[in-house]
PDB file of N, CA and C in Angstrom:
ATOM      1  N   MET A   1     136.906  91.151 203.729  1.00  0.00           N
ATOM      2  CA  MET A   1     135.880  90.391 203.044  1.00  0.00           C
ATOM      3  C   MET A   1     135.625  89.114 203.832  1.00  0.00           C
ATOM      4  N   ILE A   2     134.361  88.850 204.140  1.00  0.00           N
ATOM      5  CA  ILE A   2     133.972  87.652 204.870  1.00  0.00           C
ATOM      6  C   ILE A   2     133.220  86.747 203.909  1.00  0.00           C
ATOM      7  N   GLU A   3     133.630  85.501 203.815  1.00  0.00           N
ATOM      8  CA  GLU A   3     132.942  84.528 202.969  1.00  0.00           C
ATOM      9  C   GLU A   3     132.087  83.644 203.861  1.00  0.00           C
ATOM     10  N   VAL A   4     130.843  83.448 203.454  1.00  0.00           N
ATOM     11  CA  VAL A   4     129.923  82.606 204.202  1.00  0.00           C
ATOM     12  C   VAL A   4     129.384  81.565 203.244  1.00  0.00           C
ATOM     13  N   PRO A   5     129.320  80.303 203.643  1.00  0.00           N
ATOM     14  CA  PRO A   5     128.767  79.285 202.755  1.00  0.00           C
ATOM     15  C   PRO A   5     127.324  79.620 202.392  1.00  0.00           C
ATOM     16  N   SER A   6     126.986  79.384 201.163  1.00  0.00           N
ATOM     17  CA  SER A   6     125.647  79.681 200.675  1.00  0.00           C
ATOM     18  C   SER A   6     124.969  78.400 200.230  1.00  0.00           C
ATOM     19  N   MET A   7     123.655  78.374 200.354  1.00  0.00           N
ATOM     20  CA  MET A   7     122.885  77.231 199.892  1.00  0.00           C
ATOM     21  C   MET A   7     122.801  77.247 198.372  1.00  0.00           C
ATOM     22  N   MET A   8     122.947  78.418 197.761  1.00  0.00           N
ATOM     23  CA  MET A   8     122.830  78.539 196.320  1.00  0.00           C
ATOM     24  C   MET A   8     124.177  78.255 195.676  1.00  0.00           C
ATOM     25  N   GLY A   9     124.170  77.638 194.525  1.00  0.00           N
ATOM     26  CA  GLY A   9     125.394  77.332 193.839  1.00  0.00           C
ATOM     27  C   GLY A   9     125.923  78.493 193.019  1.00  0.00           C
ATOM     28  N   ASP A  10     125.083  79.417 192.655  1.00  0.00           N
ATOM     29  CA  ASP A  10     125.482  80.521 191.803  1.00  0.00           C
ATOM     30  C   ASP A  10     126.340  81.519 192.570  1.00  0.00           C
ATOM     31  N   ALA A  11     127.525  81.797 192.040  1.00  0.00           N
ATOM     32  CA  ALA A  11     128.474  82.689 192.708  1.00  0.00           C
ATOM     33  C   ALA A  11     127.924  84.094 192.863  1.00  0.00           C
ATOM     34  N   GLU A  12     127.117  84.564 191.917  1.00  0.00           N
ATOM     35  CA  GLU A  12     126.629  85.941 192.009  1.00  0.00           C
ATOM     36  C   GLU A  12     125.651  86.151 193.169  1.00  0.00           C
ATOM     37  N   PHE A  13     125.100  85.080 193.710  1.00  0.00           N
ATOM     38  CA  PHE A  13     124.167  85.199 194.821  1.00  0.00           C
ATOM     39  C   PHE A  13     124.823  84.896 196.174  1.00  0.00           C
ATOM     40  N   LYS A  14     126.082  84.494 196.145  1.00  0.00           N
ATOM     41  CA  LYS A  14     126.773  84.117 197.377  1.00  0.00           C
ATOM     42  C   LYS A  14     127.138  85.384 198.163  1.00  0.00           C
ATOM     43  N   PRO A  15     126.659  85.504 199.397  1.00  0.00           N
ATOM     44  CA  PRO A  15     126.992  86.696 200.186  1.00  0.00           C
ATOM     45  C   PRO A  15     128.465  86.666 200.578  1.00  0.00           C
ATOM     46  N   ARG A  16     129.165  87.770 200.288  1.00  0.00           N
ATOM     47  CA  ARG A  16     130.603  87.750 200.548  1.00  0.00           C
ATOM     48  C   ARG A  16     131.196  89.074 200.971  1.00  0.00           C
ATOM     49  N   TYR A  17     130.561  90.204 200.736  1.00  0.00           N
ATOM     50  CA  TYR A  17     131.172  91.497 201.021  1.00  0.00           C
ATOM     51  C   TYR A  17     130.510  92.172 202.218  1.00  0.00           C
ATOM     52  N   VAL A  18     131.330  92.610 203.171  1.00  0.00           N
ATOM     53  CA  VAL A  18     130.797  93.384 204.295  1.00  0.00           C
ATOM     54  C   VAL A  18     130.441  94.770 203.784  1.00  0.00           C
ATOM     55  N   ILE A  19     129.706  95.530 204.581  1.00  0.00           N
ATOM     56  CA  ILE A  19     129.155  96.800 204.142  1.00  0.00           C
ATOM     57  C   ILE A  19     130.223  97.796 203.690  1.00  0.00           C
ATOM     58  N   SER A  20     131.359  97.860 204.379  1.00  0.00           N
ATOM     59  CA  SER A  20     132.393  98.830 203.994  1.00  0.00           C
ATOM     60  C   SER A  20     132.974  98.497 202.620  1.00  0.00           C
ATOM     61  N   VAL A  21     133.168  97.218 202.343  1.00  0.00           N
ATOM     62  CA  VAL A  21     133.693  96.794 201.044  1.00  0.00           C
ATOM     63  C   VAL A  21     132.646  97.045 199.957  1.00  0.00           C
ATOM     64  N   ALA A  22     131.413  96.691 200.232  1.00  0.00           N
ATOM     65  CA  ALA A  22     130.332  96.905 199.260  1.00  0.00           C
ATOM     66  C   ALA A  22     130.195  98.390 198.939  1.00  0.00           C
ATOM     67  N   ALA A  23     130.248  99.230 199.954  1.00  0.00           N
ATOM     68  CA  ALA A  23     130.123 100.677 199.751  1.00  0.00           C
ATOM     69  C   ALA A  23     131.257 101.192 198.863  1.00  0.00           C
ATOM     70  N   ARG A  24     132.480 100.729 199.122  1.00  0.00           N
ATOM     71  CA  ARG A  24     133.623 101.138 198.298  1.00  0.00           C
ATOM     72  C   ARG A  24     133.459 100.663 196.858  1.00  0.00           C
ATOM     73  N   MET A  25     132.989  99.441 196.678  1.00  0.00           N
ATOM     74  CA  MET A  25     132.819  98.889 195.333  1.00  0.00           C
ATOM     75  C   MET A  25     131.815  99.695 194.518  1.00  0.00           C
ATOM     76  N   VAL A  26     130.759 100.159 195.179  1.00  0.00           N
ATOM     77  CA  VAL A  26     129.701 100.888 194.488  1.00  0.00           C
ATOM     78  C   VAL A  26     130.011 102.383 194.411  1.00  0.00           C
ATOM     79  N   GLY A  27     130.801 102.864 195.365  1.00  0.00           N
ATOM     80  CA  GLY A  27     131.135 104.288 195.375  1.00  0.00           C
ATOM     81  C   GLY A  27     130.135 105.127 196.138  1.00  0.00           C
ATOM     82  N   ILE A  28     129.554 104.541 197.187  1.00  0.00           N
ATOM     83  CA  ILE A  28     128.628 105.285 198.047  1.00  0.00           C
ATOM     84  C   ILE A  28     129.008 105.038 199.501  1.00  0.00           C
ATOM     85  N   GLU A  29     128.386 105.773 200.390  1.00  0.00           N
ATOM     86  CA  GLU A  29     128.685 105.670 201.811  1.00  0.00           C
ATOM     87  C   GLU A  29     127.930 104.501 202.449  1.00  0.00           C
ATOM     88  N   PRO A  30     128.510 103.875 203.476  1.00  0.00           N
ATOM     89  CA  PRO A  30     127.820 102.771 204.162  1.00  0.00           C
ATOM     90  C   PRO A  30     126.456 103.161 204.717  1.00  0.00           C
ATOM     91  N   HIS A  31     126.314 104.400 205.192  1.00  0.00           N
ATOM     92  CA  HIS A  31     125.005 104.806 205.723  1.00  0.00           C
ATOM     93  C   HIS A  31     123.949 104.820 204.624  1.00  0.00           C
ATOM     94  N   SER A  32     124.369 105.084 203.382  1.00  0.00           N
ATOM     95  CA  SER A  32     123.426 105.020 202.257  1.00  0.00           C
ATOM     96  C   SER A  32     122.971 103.587 202.024  1.00  0.00           C
ATOM     97  N   LEU A  33     123.903 102.634 202.153  1.00  0.00           N
ATOM     98  CA  LEU A  33     123.527 101.223 202.000  1.00  0.00           C
ATOM     99  C   LEU A  33     122.521 100.805 203.065  1.00  0.00           C
ATOM    100  N   ARG A  34     122.761 101.255 204.299  1.00  0.00           N
ATOM    101  CA  ARG A  34     121.804 100.929 205.366  1.00  0.00           C
ATOM    102  C   ARG A  34     120.439 101.543 205.068  1.00  0.00           C
ATOM    103  N   TYR A  35     120.423 102.767 204.545  1.00  0.00           N
ATOM    104  CA  TYR A  35     119.163 103.433 204.196  1.00  0.00           C
ATOM    105  C   TYR A  35     118.466 102.694 203.051  1.00  0.00           C
ATOM    106  N   TYR A  36     119.222 102.300 202.032  1.00  0.00           N
ATOM    107  CA  TYR A  36     118.637 101.554 200.915  1.00  0.00           C
ATOM    108  C   TYR A  36     118.044 100.238 201.392  1.00  0.00           C
ATOM    109  N   GLU A  37     118.696  99.624 202.376  1.00  0.00           N
ATOM    110  CA  GLU A  37     118.157  98.390 202.944  1.00  0.00           C
ATOM    111  C   GLU A  37     116.829  98.668 203.649  1.00  0.00           C
ATOM    112  N   ARG A  38     116.765  99.740 204.421  1.00  0.00           N
ATOM    113  CA  ARG A  38     115.500 100.080 205.106  1.00  0.00           C
ATOM    114  C   ARG A  38     114.378 100.316 204.108  1.00  0.00           C
ATOM    115  N   LEU A  39     114.721 100.895 202.939  1.00  0.00           N
ATOM    116  CA  LEU A  39     113.711 101.137 201.908  1.00  0.00           C
ATOM    117  C   LEU A  39     113.342  99.868 201.140  1.00  0.00           C
ATOM    118  N   GLY A  40     114.144  98.825 201.301  1.00  0.00           N
ATOM    119  CA  GLY A  40     113.880  97.579 200.587  1.00  0.00           C
ATOM    120  C   GLY A  40     114.490  97.530 199.204  1.00  0.00           C
ATOM    121  N   LEU A  41     115.396  98.472 198.883  1.00  0.00           N
ATOM    122  CA  LEU A  41     116.030  98.474 197.571  1.00  0.00           C
ATOM    123  C   LEU A  41     117.050  97.351 197.431  1.00  0.00           C
ATOM    124  N   VAL A  42     117.598  96.918 198.556  1.00  0.00           N
ATOM    125  CA  VAL A  42     118.555  95.821 198.573  1.00  0.00           C
ATOM    126  C   VAL A  42     118.329  95.035 199.864  1.00  0.00           C
ATOM    127  N   ARG A  43     118.548  93.730 199.792  1.00  0.00           N
ATOM    128  CA  ARG A  43     118.346  92.877 200.970  1.00  0.00           C
ATOM    129  C   ARG A  43     119.572  92.003 201.189  1.00  0.00           C
ATOM    130  N   PRO A  44     120.609  92.574 201.811  1.00  0.00           N
ATOM    131  CA  PRO A  44     121.790  91.753 202.061  1.00  0.00           C
ATOM    132  C   PRO A  44     121.478  90.649 203.059  1.00  0.00           C
ATOM    133  N   GLU A  45     122.203  89.568 202.951  1.00  0.00           N
ATOM    134  CA  GLU A  45     122.039  88.500 203.940  1.00  0.00           C
ATOM    135  C   GLU A  45     122.766  88.912 205.205  1.00  0.00           C
ATOM    136  N   ARG A  46     122.513  88.184 206.266  1.00  0.00           N
ATOM    137  CA  ARG A  46     123.177  88.459 207.543  1.00  0.00           C
ATOM    138  C   ARG A  46     123.959  87.233 207.970  1.00  0.00           C
ATOM    139  N   SER A  47     125.132  87.492 208.528  1.00  0.00           N
ATOM    140  CA  SER A  47     125.944  86.406 209.078  1.00  0.00           C
ATOM    141  C   SER A  47     125.352  85.996 210.419  1.00  0.00           C
ATOM    142  N   SER A  48     125.906  84.955 211.008  1.00  0.00           N
ATOM    143  CA  SER A  48     125.428  84.534 212.328  1.00  0.00           C
ATOM    144  C   SER A  48     125.668  85.625 213.369  1.00  0.00           C
ATOM    145  N   GLY A  49     126.640  86.509 213.114  1.00  0.00           N
ATOM    146  CA  GLY A  49     126.902  87.645 214.008  1.00  0.00           C
ATOM    147  C   GLY A  49     126.127  88.891 213.608  1.00  0.00           C
ATOM    148  N   ASN A  50     125.134  88.736 212.714  1.00  0.00           N
ATOM    149  CA  ASN A  50     124.257  89.805 212.246  1.00  0.00           C
ATOM    150  C   ASN A  50     124.979  90.871 211.410  1.00  0.00           C
ATOM    151  N   ILE A  51     126.075  90.482 210.758  1.00  0.00           N
ATOM    152  CA  ILE A  51     126.807  91.387 209.878  1.00  0.00           C
ATOM    153  C   ILE A  51     126.193  91.305 208.491  1.00  0.00           C
ATOM    154  N   ARG A  52     125.952  92.474 207.881  1.00  0.00           N
ATOM    155  CA  ARG A  52     125.408  92.511 206.522  1.00  0.00           C
ATOM    156  C   ARG A  52     126.447  91.962 205.552  1.00  0.00           C
ATOM    157  N   LEU A  53     126.003  91.080 204.668  1.00  0.00           N
ATOM    158  CA  LEU A  53     126.866  90.510 203.648  1.00  0.00           C
ATOM    159  C   LEU A  53     126.203  90.673 202.287  1.00  0.00           C
ATOM    160  N   TYR A  54     126.908  91.316 201.379  1.00  0.00           N
ATOM    161  CA  TYR A  54     126.382  91.628 200.062  1.00  0.00           C
ATOM    162  C   TYR A  54     126.955  90.667 199.023  1.00  0.00           C
ATOM    163  N   SER A  55     126.112  90.236 198.102  1.00  0.00           N
ATOM    164  CA  SER A  55     126.528  89.347 197.020  1.00  0.00           C
ATOM    165  C   SER A  55     126.879  90.189 195.792  1.00  0.00           C
ATOM    166  N   GLU A  56     127.433  89.523 194.788  1.00  0.00           N
ATOM    167  CA  GLU A  56     127.697  90.198 193.507  1.00  0.00           C
ATOM    168  C   GLU A  56     126.391  90.739 192.926  1.00  0.00           C
ATOM    169  N   ASN A  57     125.323  89.990 193.083  1.00  0.00           N
ATOM    170  CA  ASN A  57     124.015  90.425 192.604  1.00  0.00           C
ATOM    171  C   ASN A  57     123.571  91.697 193.326  1.00  0.00           C
ATOM    172  N   ASP A  58     123.787  91.760 194.647  1.00  0.00           N
ATOM    173  CA  ASP A  58     123.464  92.962 195.419  1.00  0.00           C
ATOM    174  C   ASP A  58     124.282  94.152 194.936  1.00  0.00           C
ATOM    175  N   ILE A  59     125.578  93.922 194.685  1.00  0.00           N
ATOM    176  CA  ILE A  59     126.464  94.993 194.217  1.00  0.00           C
ATOM    177  C   ILE A  59     125.977  95.527 192.883  1.00  0.00           C
ATOM    178  N   GLU A  60     125.607  94.627 191.985  1.00  0.00           N
ATOM    179  CA  GLU A  60     125.106  95.047 190.672  1.00  0.00           C
ATOM    180  C   GLU A  60     123.817  95.856 190.819  1.00  0.00           C
ATOM    181  N   ARG A  61     122.942  95.426 191.698  1.00  0.00           N
ATOM    182  CA  ARG A  61     121.686  96.155 191.943  1.00  0.00           C
ATOM    183  C   ARG A  61     121.980  97.548 192.499  1.00  0.00           C
ATOM    184  N   LEU A  62     122.930  97.633 193.422  1.00  0.00           N
ATOM    185  CA  LEU A  62     123.298  98.929 193.998  1.00  0.00           C
ATOM    186  C   LEU A  62     123.915  99.850 192.945  1.00  0.00           C
ATOM    187  N   ARG A  63     124.698  99.284 192.054  1.00  0.00           N
ATOM    188  CA  ARG A  63     125.246 100.097 190.955  1.00  0.00           C
ATOM    189  C   ARG A  63     124.125 100.631 190.073  1.00  0.00           C
ATOM    190  N   HIS A  64     123.117  99.814 189.885  1.00  0.00           N
ATOM    191  CA  HIS A  64     121.949 100.238 189.114  1.00  0.00           C
ATOM    192  C   HIS A  64     121.247 101.408 189.820  1.00  0.00           C
ATOM    193  N   VAL A  65     121.064 101.274 191.125  1.00  0.00           N
ATOM    194  CA  VAL A  65     120.431 102.334 191.922  1.00  0.00           C
ATOM    195  C   VAL A  65     121.237 103.618 191.786  1.00  0.00           C
ATOM    196  N   LYS A  66     122.546 103.509 191.951  1.00  0.00           N
ATOM    197  CA  LYS A  66     123.411 104.689 191.872  1.00  0.00           C
ATOM    198  C   LYS A  66     123.317 105.330 190.492  1.00  0.00           C
ATOM    199  N   ALA A  67     123.344 104.503 189.437  1.00  0.00           N
ATOM    200  CA  ALA A  67     123.271 105.032 188.072  1.00  0.00           C
ATOM    201  C   ALA A  67     121.944 105.742 187.819  1.00  0.00           C
ATOM    202  N   LEU A  68     120.859 105.146 188.275  1.00  0.00           N
ATOM    203  CA  LEU A  68     119.553 105.787 188.090  1.00  0.00           C
ATOM    204  C   LEU A  68     119.508 107.144 188.778  1.00  0.00           C
ATOM    205  N   MET A  69     120.084 107.209 189.969  1.00  0.00           N
ATOM    206  CA  MET A  69     120.043 108.457 190.726  1.00  0.00           C
ATOM    207  C   MET A  69     121.022 109.495 190.176  1.00  0.00           C
ATOM    208  N   SER A  70     122.269 109.097 189.937  1.00  0.00           N
ATOM    209  CA  SER A  70     123.269 110.090 189.537  1.00  0.00           C
ATOM    210  C   SER A  70     123.247 110.390 188.041  1.00  0.00           C
ATOM    211  N   ASP A  71     123.107 109.389 187.203  1.00  0.00           N
ATOM    212  CA  ASP A  71     123.159 109.599 185.762  1.00  0.00           C
ATOM    213  C   ASP A  71     121.821 110.046 185.177  1.00  0.00           C
ATOM    214  N   CYS A  72     120.741 109.526 185.741  1.00  0.00           N
ATOM    215  CA  CYS A  72     119.411 109.816 185.184  1.00  0.00           C
ATOM    216  C   CYS A  72     118.624 110.824 186.012  1.00  0.00           C
ATOM    217  N   GLY A  73     119.113 111.147 187.194  1.00  0.00           N
ATOM    218  CA  GLY A  73     118.420 112.124 188.031  1.00  0.00           C
ATOM    219  C   GLY A  73     117.128 111.607 188.644  1.00  0.00           C
ATOM    220  N   VAL A  74     117.003 110.306 188.784  1.00  0.00           N
ATOM    221  CA  VAL A  74     115.794 109.710 189.347  1.00  0.00           C
ATOM    222  C   VAL A  74     115.893 109.752 190.872  1.00  0.00           C
ATOM    223  N   ASN A  75     114.805 110.131 191.537  1.00  0.00           N
ATOM    224  CA  ASN A  75     114.812 110.127 193.007  1.00  0.00           C
ATOM    225  C   ASN A  75     114.551 108.709 193.519  1.00  0.00           C
ATOM    226  N   LEU A  76     114.656 108.524 194.837  1.00  0.00           N
ATOM    227  CA  LEU A  76     114.520 107.175 195.407  1.00  0.00           C
ATOM    228  C   LEU A  76     113.161 106.546 195.131  1.00  0.00           C
ATOM    229  N   ALA A  77     112.108 107.349 195.138  1.00  0.00           N
ATOM    230  CA  ALA A  77     110.780 106.805 194.828  1.00  0.00           C
ATOM    231  C   ALA A  77     110.759 106.286 193.389  1.00  0.00           C
ATOM    232  N   GLY A  78     111.368 107.037 192.477  1.00  0.00           N
ATOM    233  CA  GLY A  78     111.446 106.607 191.087  1.00  0.00           C
ATOM    234  C   GLY A  78     112.303 105.372 190.923  1.00  0.00           C
ATOM    235  N   VAL A  79     113.380 105.290 191.707  1.00  0.00           N
ATOM    236  CA  VAL A  79     114.250 104.111 191.674  1.00  0.00           C
ATOM    237  C   VAL A  79     113.457 102.884 192.096  1.00  0.00           C
ATOM    238  N   GLU A  80     112.667 103.017 193.168  1.00  0.00           N
ATOM    239  CA  GLU A  80     111.852 101.886 193.627  1.00  0.00           C
ATOM    240  C   GLU A  80     110.920 101.405 192.527  1.00  0.00           C
ATOM    241  N   VAL A  81     110.252 102.344 191.862  1.00  0.00           N
ATOM    242  CA  VAL A  81     109.322 101.996 190.782  1.00  0.00           C
ATOM    243  C   VAL A  81     110.078 101.343 189.628  1.00  0.00           C
ATOM    244  N   ALA A  82     111.215 101.935 189.242  1.00  0.00           N
ATOM    245  CA  ALA A  82     111.998 101.398 188.117  1.00  0.00           C
ATOM    246  C   ALA A  82     112.492  99.985 188.421  1.00  0.00           C
ATOM    247  N   LEU A  83     112.995  99.763 189.627  1.00  0.00           N
ATOM    248  CA  LEU A  83     113.476  98.426 189.988  1.00  0.00           C
ATOM    249  C   LEU A  83     112.346  97.406 190.005  1.00  0.00           C
ATOM    250  N   ARG A  84     111.190  97.833 190.511  1.00  0.00           N
ATOM    251  CA  ARG A  84     110.034  96.929 190.533  1.00  0.00           C
ATOM    252  C   ARG A  84     109.619  96.571 189.105  1.00  0.00           C
ATOM    253  N   LEU A  85     109.609  97.567 188.210  1.00  0.00           N
ATOM    254  CA  LEU A  85     109.245  97.307 186.816  1.00  0.00           C
ATOM    255  C   LEU A  85     110.268  96.402 186.126  1.00  0.00           C
ATOM    256  N   MET A  86     111.550  96.635 186.398  1.00  0.00           N
ATOM    257  CA  MET A  86     112.576  95.797 185.795  1.00  0.00           C
ATOM    258  C   MET A  86     112.470  94.360 186.292  1.00  0.00           C
ATOM    259  N   GLU A  87     112.177  94.188 187.564  1.00  0.00           N
ATOM    260  CA  GLU A  87     112.007  92.844 188.120  1.00  0.00           C
ATOM    261  C   GLU A  87     110.795  92.160 187.476  1.00  0.00           C
ATOM    262  N   ARG A  88     109.729  92.897 187.314  1.00  0.00           N
ATOM    263  CA  ARG A  88     108.523  92.343 186.671  1.00  0.00           C
ATOM    264  C   ARG A  88     108.826  91.939 185.227  1.00  0.00           C
ATOM    265  N   MET A  89     109.599  92.768 184.534  1.00  0.00           N
ATOM    266  CA  MET A  89     109.973  92.446 183.156  1.00  0.00           C
ATOM    267  C   MET A  89     110.824  91.178 183.105  1.00  0.00           C
ATOM    268  N   ARG A  90     111.742  91.017 184.066  1.00  0.00           N
ATOM    269  CA  ARG A  90     112.567  89.805 184.129  1.00  0.00           C
ATOM    270  C   ARG A  90     111.688  88.577 184.355  1.00  0.00           C
ATOM    271  N   GLU A  91     110.725  88.713 185.266  1.00  0.00           N
ATOM    272  CA  GLU A  91     109.813  87.596 185.541  1.00  0.00           C
ATOM    273  C   GLU A  91     109.022  87.230 184.299  1.00  0.00           C
ATOM    274  N   MET A  92     108.539  88.251 183.582  1.00  0.00           N
ATOM    275  CA  MET A  92     107.771  88.001 182.366  1.00  0.00           C
ATOM    276  C   MET A  92     108.645  87.355 181.288  1.00  0.00           C
ATOM    277  N   GLN A  93     109.905  87.793 181.186  1.00  0.00           N
ATOM    278  CA  GLN A  93     110.822  87.209 180.216  1.00  0.00           C
ATOM    279  C   GLN A  93     111.078  85.741 180.540  1.00  0.00           C
ATOM    280  N   ASP A  94     111.297  85.443 181.824  1.00  0.00           N
ATOM    281  CA  ASP A  94     111.502  84.052 182.241  1.00  0.00           C
ATOM    282  C   ASP A  94     110.276  83.213 181.914  1.00  0.00           C
ATOM    283  N   ARG A  95     109.118  83.758 182.186  1.00  0.00           N
ATOM    284  CA  ARG A  95     107.868  83.043 181.905  1.00  0.00           C
ATOM    285  C   ARG A  95     107.698  82.807 180.411  1.00  0.00           C
ATOM    286  N   LEU A  96     108.013  83.818 179.620  1.00  0.00           N
ATOM    287  CA  LEU A  96     107.914  83.691 178.170  1.00  0.00           C
ATOM    288  C   LEU A  96     108.865  82.614 177.654  1.00  0.00           C
ATOM    289  N   GLU A  97     110.093  82.594 178.172  1.00  0.00           N
ATOM    290  CA  GLU A  97     111.055  81.577 177.755  1.00  0.00           C
ATOM    291  C   GLU A  97     110.573  80.175 178.122  1.00  0.00           C
ATOM    292  N   THR A  98     109.984  80.038 179.305  1.00  0.00           N
ATOM    293  CA  THR A  98     109.437  78.746 179.725  1.00  0.00           C
ATOM    294  C   THR A  98     108.311  78.319 178.791  1.00  0.00           C
ATOM    295  N   MET A  99     107.430  79.250 178.459  1.00  0.00           N
ATOM    296  CA  MET A  99     106.312  78.931 177.563  1.00  0.00           C
ATOM    297  C   MET A  99     106.814  78.565 176.171  1.00  0.00           C
ATOM    298  N   GLU A 100     107.846  79.248 175.692  1.00  0.00           N
ATOM    299  CA  GLU A 100     108.413  78.923 174.382  1.00  0.00           C
ATOM    300  C   GLU A 100     108.976  77.502 174.366  1.00  0.00           C
ATOM    301  N   LYS A 101     109.666  77.121 175.435  1.00  0.00           N
ATOM    302  CA  LYS A 101     110.219  75.762 175.527  1.00  0.00           C
ATOM    303  C   LYS A 101     109.106  74.730 175.559  1.00  0.00           C
ATOM    304  N   GLU A 102     108.038  75.013 176.326  1.00  0.00           N
ATOM    305  CA  GLU A 102     106.904  74.085 176.390  1.00  0.00           C
ATOM    306  C   GLU A 102     106.232  73.955 175.030  1.00  0.00           C
ATOM    307  N   LEU A 103     106.084  75.068 174.330  1.00  0.00           N
ATOM    308  CA  LEU A 103     105.479  75.047 173.000  1.00  0.00           C
ATOM    309  C   LEU A 103     106.351  74.265 172.027  1.00  0.00           C
ATOM    310  N   GLU A 104     107.656  74.473 172.104  1.00  0.00           N
ATOM    311  CA  GLU A 104     108.578  73.750 171.238  1.00  0.00           C
ATOM    312  C   GLU A 104     108.487  72.247 171.480  1.00  0.00           C
ATOM    313  N   ARG A 105     108.439  71.837 172.760  1.00  0.00           N
ATOM    314  CA  ARG A 105     108.311  70.404 173.088  1.00  0.00           C
ATOM    315  C   ARG A 105     106.987  69.846 172.572  1.00  0.00           C
ATOM    316  N   ALA A 106     105.918  70.618 172.739  1.00  0.00           N
ATOM    317  CA  ALA A 106     104.604  70.161 172.273  1.00  0.00           C
ATOM    318  C   ALA A 106     104.595  70.006 170.756  1.00  0.00           C
ATOM    319  N   LEU A 107     105.216  70.951 170.050  1.00  0.00           N
ATOM    320  CA  LEU A 107     105.269  70.860 168.591  1.00  0.00           C
ATOM    321  C   LEU A 107     106.104  69.662 168.144  1.00  0.00           C
ATOM    322  N   GLU A 108     107.220  69.423 168.823  1.00  0.00           N
ATOM    323  CA  GLU A 108     108.052  68.266 168.493  1.00  0.00           C
ATOM    324  C   GLU A 108     107.267  66.974 168.684  1.00  0.00           C
ATOM    325  N   THR A 109     106.518  66.895 169.766  1.00  0.00           N
ATOM    326  CA  THR A 109     105.704  65.710 170.040  1.00  0.00           C
ATOM    327  C   THR A 109     104.639  65.549 168.957  1.00  0.00           C
ATOM    328  N   GLU A 110     104.001  66.648 168.583  1.00  0.00           N
ATOM    329  CA  GLU A 110     102.962  66.612 167.552  1.00  0.00           C
ATOM    330  C   GLU A 110     103.554  66.173 166.213  1.00  0.00           C
ATOM    331  N   ILE A 111     104.723  66.685 165.880  1.00  0.00           N
ATOM    332  CA  ILE A 111     105.380  66.306 164.622  1.00  0.00           C
ATOM    333  C   ILE A 111     105.730  64.816 164.640  1.00  0.00           C
ATOM    334  N   GLU A 112     106.231  64.326 165.775  1.00  0.00           N
ATOM    335  CA  GLU A 112     106.558  62.907 165.884  1.00  0.00           C
ATOM    336  C   GLU A 112     105.300  62.060 165.711  1.00  0.00           C
ATOM    337  N   ASP A 113     104.182  62.507 166.306  1.00  0.00           N
ATOM    338  CA  ASP A 113     102.919  61.768 166.168  1.00  0.00           C
ATOM    339  C   ASP A 113     102.464  61.716 164.715  1.00  0.00           C
ATOM    340  N   ILE A 114     102.601  62.843 164.014  1.00  0.00           N
ATOM    341  CA  ILE A 114     102.187  62.900 162.614  1.00  0.00           C
ATOM    342  C   ILE A 114     103.093  61.988 161.791  1.00  0.00           C
ATOM    343  N   GLU A 115     104.389  62.040 162.021  1.00  0.00           N
ATOM    344  CA  GLU A 115     105.327  61.181 161.289  1.00  0.00           C
ATOM    345  C   GLU A 115     105.037  59.712 161.563  1.00  0.00           C
ATOM    346  N   TRP A 116     104.695  59.377 162.800  1.00  0.00           N
ATOM    347  CA  TRP A 116     104.386  58.011 163.170  1.00  0.00           C
ATOM    348  C   TRP A 116     103.139  57.527 162.441  1.00  0.00           C
ATOM    349  N   LYS A 117     102.128  58.397 162.357  1.00  0.00           N
ATOM    350  CA  LYS A 117     100.877  58.031 161.688  1.00  0.00           C
ATOM    351  C   LYS A 117     101.080  57.847 160.193  1.00  0.00           C
ATOM    352  N   GLU A 118     102.023  58.569 159.604  1.00  0.00           N
ATOM    353  CA  GLU A 118     102.284  58.461 158.165  1.00  0.00           C
ATOM    354  C   GLU A 118     102.978  57.162 157.809  1.00  0.00           C
ATOM    355  N   LEU A 119     103.626  56.533 158.790  1.00  0.00           N
ATOM    356  CA  LEU A 119     104.316  55.260 158.529  1.00  0.00           C
ATOM    357  C   LEU A 119     103.288  54.187 158.444  1.00  0.00           C
TER     358      LEU A 119
END
């Protein structure tokens, strides 16, 4: 296992596992990981020596890919579509949460204004 300093503070995004370790963790062959990378299903970071380094987030994504293929019988094209849809849903959820917070702040401000006017 090679640890490389990351700009991100979140441990799940920190690149730390070389391809052989990542493959063992997920239960697939290293050549499959290289193929998934070519398809864009996963994007491991590279060390200064150009070694692929996988994060916990990458490992979780690869487990998802494996589950879709082995448990659900989805082919790689279907996996690509499913992952894209799941990512879009995550983005929409994040956006919805942001809008809810903004609405809550606006309502709090409006309530404070009304209370102030009543005084």
